Amino acid sequence: MVGSKLFMAPEILEGMCHGTPCDIWSIGVIIYLMISGFYPFGFRNIEHEIMNTPVLFLHNSDKFSSAARDLIRGLLEKSQYARLTAS
């Protein structure tokens, strides 16, 4: 496994094959970070949080419009098959 766990999609952490949906996940993390200045998941048990914790808008929550929240939830969908796509 190569890269920062902070940006890794659940399927990578599970050791499954990965592709474009993993990149979409990472974009969700980046957008959350750009809006709030924080990562969407805590650092204590990052793998558990990525795999099991829903996205919570705890940091600078007033900066997230409803459209931004919907977009981020779609990009950080746990299932790669339900996650938003580039198209």
N, C-alpha and C. Protein backbone atom coordinates (compact mmCIF):
# COMPACT_ATOMS: atom_id res chain seq x y z
N MET A 1 0.85 -1.16 0.00
CA MET A 1 0.00 0.00 0.00
C MET A 1 0.90 1.23 0.00
N VAL A 2 0.65 2.12 -0.93
CA VAL A 2 1.45 3.33 -1.06
C VAL A 2 0.52 4.54 -0.95
N GLY A 3 0.98 5.58 -0.29
CA GLY A 3 0.19 6.81 -0.20
C GLY A 3 -0.23 7.09 1.22
N SER A 4 -0.91 8.20 1.39
CA SER A 4 -1.39 8.63 2.70
C SER A 4 -2.76 8.04 2.97
N LYS A 5 -2.93 7.41 4.12
CA LYS A 5 -4.22 6.82 4.47
C LYS A 5 -5.31 7.87 4.55
N LEU A 6 -4.95 9.11 4.77
CA LEU A 6 -5.94 10.17 4.89
C LEU A 6 -6.77 10.34 3.62
N PHE A 7 -6.23 9.91 2.49
CA PHE A 7 -6.91 10.07 1.22
C PHE A 7 -7.37 8.75 0.62
N MET A 8 -7.18 7.65 1.32
CA MET A 8 -7.47 6.33 0.77
C MET A 8 -8.94 5.96 0.90
N ALA A 9 -9.47 5.43 -0.17
CA ALA A 9 -10.85 4.95 -0.20
C ALA A 9 -10.95 3.63 0.56
N PRO A 10 -12.15 3.31 1.06
CA PRO A 10 -12.33 2.06 1.80
C PRO A 10 -11.87 0.82 1.05
N GLU A 11 -12.09 0.78 -0.25
CA GLU A 11 -11.71 -0.42 -1.00
C GLU A 11 -10.20 -0.64 -1.04
N ILE A 12 -9.44 0.42 -0.97
CA ILE A 12 -7.98 0.27 -0.91
C ILE A 12 -7.59 -0.31 0.43
N LEU A 13 -8.20 0.19 1.51
CA LEU A 13 -7.89 -0.32 2.84
C LEU A 13 -8.29 -1.78 2.99
N GLU A 14 -9.30 -2.22 2.23
CA GLU A 14 -9.72 -3.62 2.26
C GLU A 14 -8.85 -4.50 1.38
N GLY A 15 -7.93 -3.90 0.63
CA GLY A 15 -7.04 -4.67 -0.23
C GLY A 15 -7.68 -5.10 -1.53
N MET A 16 -8.79 -4.47 -1.90
CA MET A 16 -9.47 -4.80 -3.14
C MET A 16 -8.81 -4.07 -4.31
N CYS A 17 -9.15 -4.51 -5.50
CA CYS A 17 -8.69 -3.79 -6.69
C CYS A 17 -9.29 -2.39 -6.65
N HIS A 18 -8.62 -1.46 -7.26
CA HIS A 18 -9.13 -0.10 -7.23
C HIS A 18 -8.94 0.57 -8.57
N GLY A 19 -9.69 1.62 -8.77
CA GLY A 19 -9.63 2.36 -10.03
C GLY A 19 -10.13 3.77 -9.82
N THR A 20 -10.86 4.28 -10.78
CA THR A 20 -11.34 5.64 -10.76
C THR A 20 -12.15 5.99 -9.50
N PRO A 21 -12.99 5.09 -8.98
CA PRO A 21 -13.74 5.45 -7.75
C PRO A 21 -12.83 5.86 -6.59
N CYS A 22 -11.64 5.33 -6.54
CA CYS A 22 -10.69 5.73 -5.49
C CYS A 22 -10.25 7.17 -5.67
N ASP A 23 -10.08 7.58 -6.91
CA ASP A 23 -9.72 8.96 -7.19
C ASP A 23 -10.86 9.90 -6.82
N ILE A 24 -12.08 9.46 -7.09
CA ILE A 24 -13.27 10.25 -6.74
C ILE A 24 -13.32 10.44 -5.23
N TRP A 25 -13.05 9.38 -4.47
CA TRP A 25 -13.00 9.47 -3.01
C TRP A 25 -11.98 10.54 -2.58
N SER A 26 -10.79 10.47 -3.15
CA SER A 26 -9.74 11.42 -2.78
C SER A 26 -10.14 12.85 -3.08
N ILE A 27 -10.86 13.05 -4.17
CA ILE A 27 -11.36 14.39 -4.50
C ILE A 27 -12.31 14.87 -3.40
N GLY A 28 -13.14 13.97 -2.89
CA GLY A 28 -14.04 14.33 -1.79
C GLY A 28 -13.27 14.78 -0.55
N VAL A 29 -12.20 14.07 -0.23
CA VAL A 29 -11.37 14.45 0.92
C VAL A 29 -10.75 15.83 0.68
N ILE A 30 -10.26 16.05 -0.53
CA ILE A 30 -9.61 17.33 -0.85
C ILE A 30 -10.61 18.48 -0.77
N ILE A 31 -11.82 18.29 -1.30
CA ILE A 31 -12.83 19.36 -1.24
C ILE A 31 -13.20 19.67 0.21
N TYR A 32 -13.40 18.64 1.02
CA TYR A 32 -13.71 18.85 2.43
C TYR A 32 -12.59 19.65 3.08
N LEU A 33 -11.36 19.26 2.83
CA LEU A 33 -10.19 19.92 3.39
C LEU A 33 -10.09 21.38 2.94
N MET A 34 -10.37 21.61 1.67
CA MET A 34 -10.29 22.98 1.14
C MET A 34 -11.34 23.90 1.76
N ILE A 35 -12.53 23.37 2.01
CA ILE A 35 -13.60 24.19 2.58
C ILE A 35 -13.38 24.43 4.07
N SER A 36 -13.04 23.38 4.80
CA SER A 36 -13.00 23.48 6.26
C SER A 36 -11.62 23.72 6.85
N GLY A 37 -10.58 23.29 6.14
CA GLY A 37 -9.24 23.35 6.70
C GLY A 37 -8.90 22.13 7.53
N PHE A 38 -9.79 21.14 7.56
CA PHE A 38 -9.60 19.91 8.33
C PHE A 38 -9.90 18.70 7.46
N TYR A 39 -9.39 17.54 7.88
CA TYR A 39 -9.71 16.29 7.20
C TYR A 39 -11.10 15.82 7.65
N PRO A 40 -11.81 15.08 6.81
CA PRO A 40 -13.17 14.65 7.18
C PRO A 40 -13.20 13.53 8.22
N PHE A 41 -12.07 12.92 8.50
CA PHE A 41 -12.02 11.82 9.47
C PHE A 41 -10.93 12.09 10.49
N GLY A 42 -11.13 11.57 11.70
CA GLY A 42 -10.15 11.74 12.76
C GLY A 42 -8.90 10.91 12.53
N PHE A 43 -7.87 11.20 13.29
CA PHE A 43 -6.58 10.54 13.10
C PHE A 43 -6.36 9.34 14.02
N ARG A 44 -7.12 9.22 15.08
CA ARG A 44 -6.85 8.17 16.08
C ARG A 44 -6.91 6.77 15.49
N ASN A 45 -7.97 6.48 14.81
CA ASN A 45 -8.13 5.17 14.18
C ASN A 45 -8.64 5.42 12.76
N ILE A 46 -7.78 5.98 11.94
CA ILE A 46 -8.18 6.47 10.61
C ILE A 46 -8.83 5.38 9.76
N GLU A 47 -8.28 4.17 9.80
CA GLU A 47 -8.86 3.10 8.99
C GLU A 47 -10.29 2.80 9.41
N HIS A 48 -10.53 2.71 10.71
CA HIS A 48 -11.88 2.45 11.20
C HIS A 48 -12.83 3.58 10.79
N GLU A 49 -12.37 4.80 10.93
CA GLU A 49 -13.23 5.94 10.59
C GLU A 49 -13.57 5.96 9.10
N ILE A 50 -12.59 5.70 8.26
CA ILE A 50 -12.85 5.69 6.82
C ILE A 50 -13.83 4.58 6.47
N MET A 51 -13.68 3.43 7.11
CA MET A 51 -14.52 2.28 6.78
C MET A 51 -15.93 2.38 7.38
N ASN A 52 -16.07 3.02 8.54
CA ASN A 52 -17.33 2.90 9.28
C ASN A 52 -18.03 4.19 9.67
N THR A 53 -17.33 5.29 9.71
CA THR A 53 -17.92 6.53 10.20
C THR A 53 -18.49 7.36 9.05
N PRO A 54 -19.73 7.80 9.20
CA PRO A 54 -20.27 8.68 8.15
C PRO A 54 -19.55 10.03 8.17
N VAL A 55 -19.63 10.73 7.08
CA VAL A 55 -19.02 12.05 7.00
C VAL A 55 -19.83 13.00 7.88
N LEU A 56 -19.14 13.60 8.83
CA LEU A 56 -19.77 14.59 9.70
C LEU A 56 -19.13 15.94 9.41
N PHE A 57 -19.92 16.94 9.41
CA PHE A 57 -19.42 18.28 9.09
C PHE A 57 -19.24 19.04 10.41
N LEU A 58 -18.22 18.63 11.16
CA LEU A 58 -17.98 19.18 12.49
C LEU A 58 -17.09 20.40 12.46
N HIS A 59 -16.24 20.51 11.47
CA HIS A 59 -15.25 21.57 11.41
C HIS A 59 -15.75 22.70 10.51
N ASN A 60 -15.88 23.89 11.06
CA ASN A 60 -16.33 25.04 10.28
C ASN A 60 -17.59 24.71 9.50
N SER A 61 -18.55 24.08 10.17
CA SER A 61 -19.75 23.59 9.50
C SER A 61 -20.53 24.69 8.78
N ASP A 62 -20.40 25.93 9.23
CA ASP A 62 -21.11 27.01 8.57
C ASP A 62 -20.57 27.33 7.18
N LYS A 63 -19.40 26.82 6.85
CA LYS A 63 -18.80 27.08 5.54
C LYS A 63 -19.32 26.12 4.46
N PHE A 64 -20.01 25.07 4.86
CA PHE A 64 -20.50 24.07 3.91
C PHE A 64 -21.93 24.39 3.50
N SER A 65 -22.11 24.74 2.24
CA SER A 65 -23.47 24.92 1.73
C SER A 65 -24.14 23.55 1.64
N SER A 66 -25.44 23.53 1.46
CA SER A 66 -26.13 22.24 1.33
C SER A 66 -25.66 21.50 0.08
N ALA A 67 -25.36 22.24 -0.99
CA ALA A 67 -24.86 21.61 -2.22
C ALA A 67 -23.47 21.00 -1.98
N ALA A 68 -22.63 21.70 -1.23
CA ALA A 68 -21.29 21.17 -0.93
C ALA A 68 -21.41 19.92 -0.07
N ARG A 69 -22.31 19.93 0.91
CA ARG A 69 -22.52 18.74 1.75
C ARG A 69 -22.96 17.55 0.91
N ASP A 70 -23.93 17.79 0.02
CA ASP A 70 -24.41 16.70 -0.84
C ASP A 70 -23.30 16.16 -1.73
N LEU A 71 -22.51 17.05 -2.31
CA LEU A 71 -21.41 16.63 -3.17
C LEU A 71 -20.41 15.79 -2.39
N ILE A 72 -20.01 16.27 -1.24
CA ILE A 72 -19.01 15.56 -0.44
C ILE A 72 -19.55 14.21 0.03
N ARG A 73 -20.79 14.16 0.46
CA ARG A 73 -21.38 12.86 0.86
C ARG A 73 -21.36 11.89 -0.32
N GLY A 74 -21.66 12.37 -1.51
CA GLY A 74 -21.65 11.51 -2.69
C GLY A 74 -20.25 11.05 -3.06
N LEU A 75 -19.27 11.93 -2.90
CA LEU A 75 -17.88 11.57 -3.22
C LEU A 75 -17.28 10.65 -2.17
N LEU A 76 -17.73 10.78 -0.93
CA LEU A 76 -17.20 9.95 0.16
C LEU A 76 -18.15 8.83 0.55
N GLU A 77 -18.92 8.38 -0.42
CA GLU A 77 -19.78 7.21 -0.23
C GLU A 77 -18.90 5.99 0.01
N LYS A 78 -19.20 5.21 1.05
CA LYS A 78 -18.36 4.05 1.40
C LYS A 78 -18.30 3.01 0.29
N SER A 79 -19.42 2.78 -0.37
CA SER A 79 -19.47 1.80 -1.46
C SER A 79 -18.99 2.43 -2.76
N GLN A 80 -17.99 1.84 -3.35
CA GLN A 80 -17.49 2.38 -4.62
C GLN A 80 -18.54 2.30 -5.72
N TYR A 81 -19.51 1.42 -5.57
CA TYR A 81 -20.54 1.25 -6.59
C TYR A 81 -21.64 2.30 -6.46
N ALA A 82 -21.81 2.88 -5.27
CA ALA A 82 -22.81 3.92 -5.05
C ALA A 82 -22.20 5.31 -5.09
N ARG A 83 -20.88 5.39 -5.12
CA ARG A 83 -20.17 6.67 -5.10
C ARG A 83 -20.44 7.44 -6.39
N LEU A 84 -20.44 8.77 -6.29
CA LEU A 84 -20.56 9.59 -7.50
C LEU A 84 -19.44 9.26 -8.49
N THR A 85 -19.70 9.54 -9.72
CA THR A 85 -18.69 9.32 -10.77
C THR A 85 -18.33 10.66 -11.40
N ALA A 86 -17.30 10.66 -12.21
CA ALA A 86 -16.91 11.90 -12.90
C ALA A 86 -17.96 12.32 -13.92
N SER A 87 -18.66 11.35 -14.48
CA SER A 87 -19.67 11.72 -15.48
C SER A 87 -20.96 12.12 -14.81
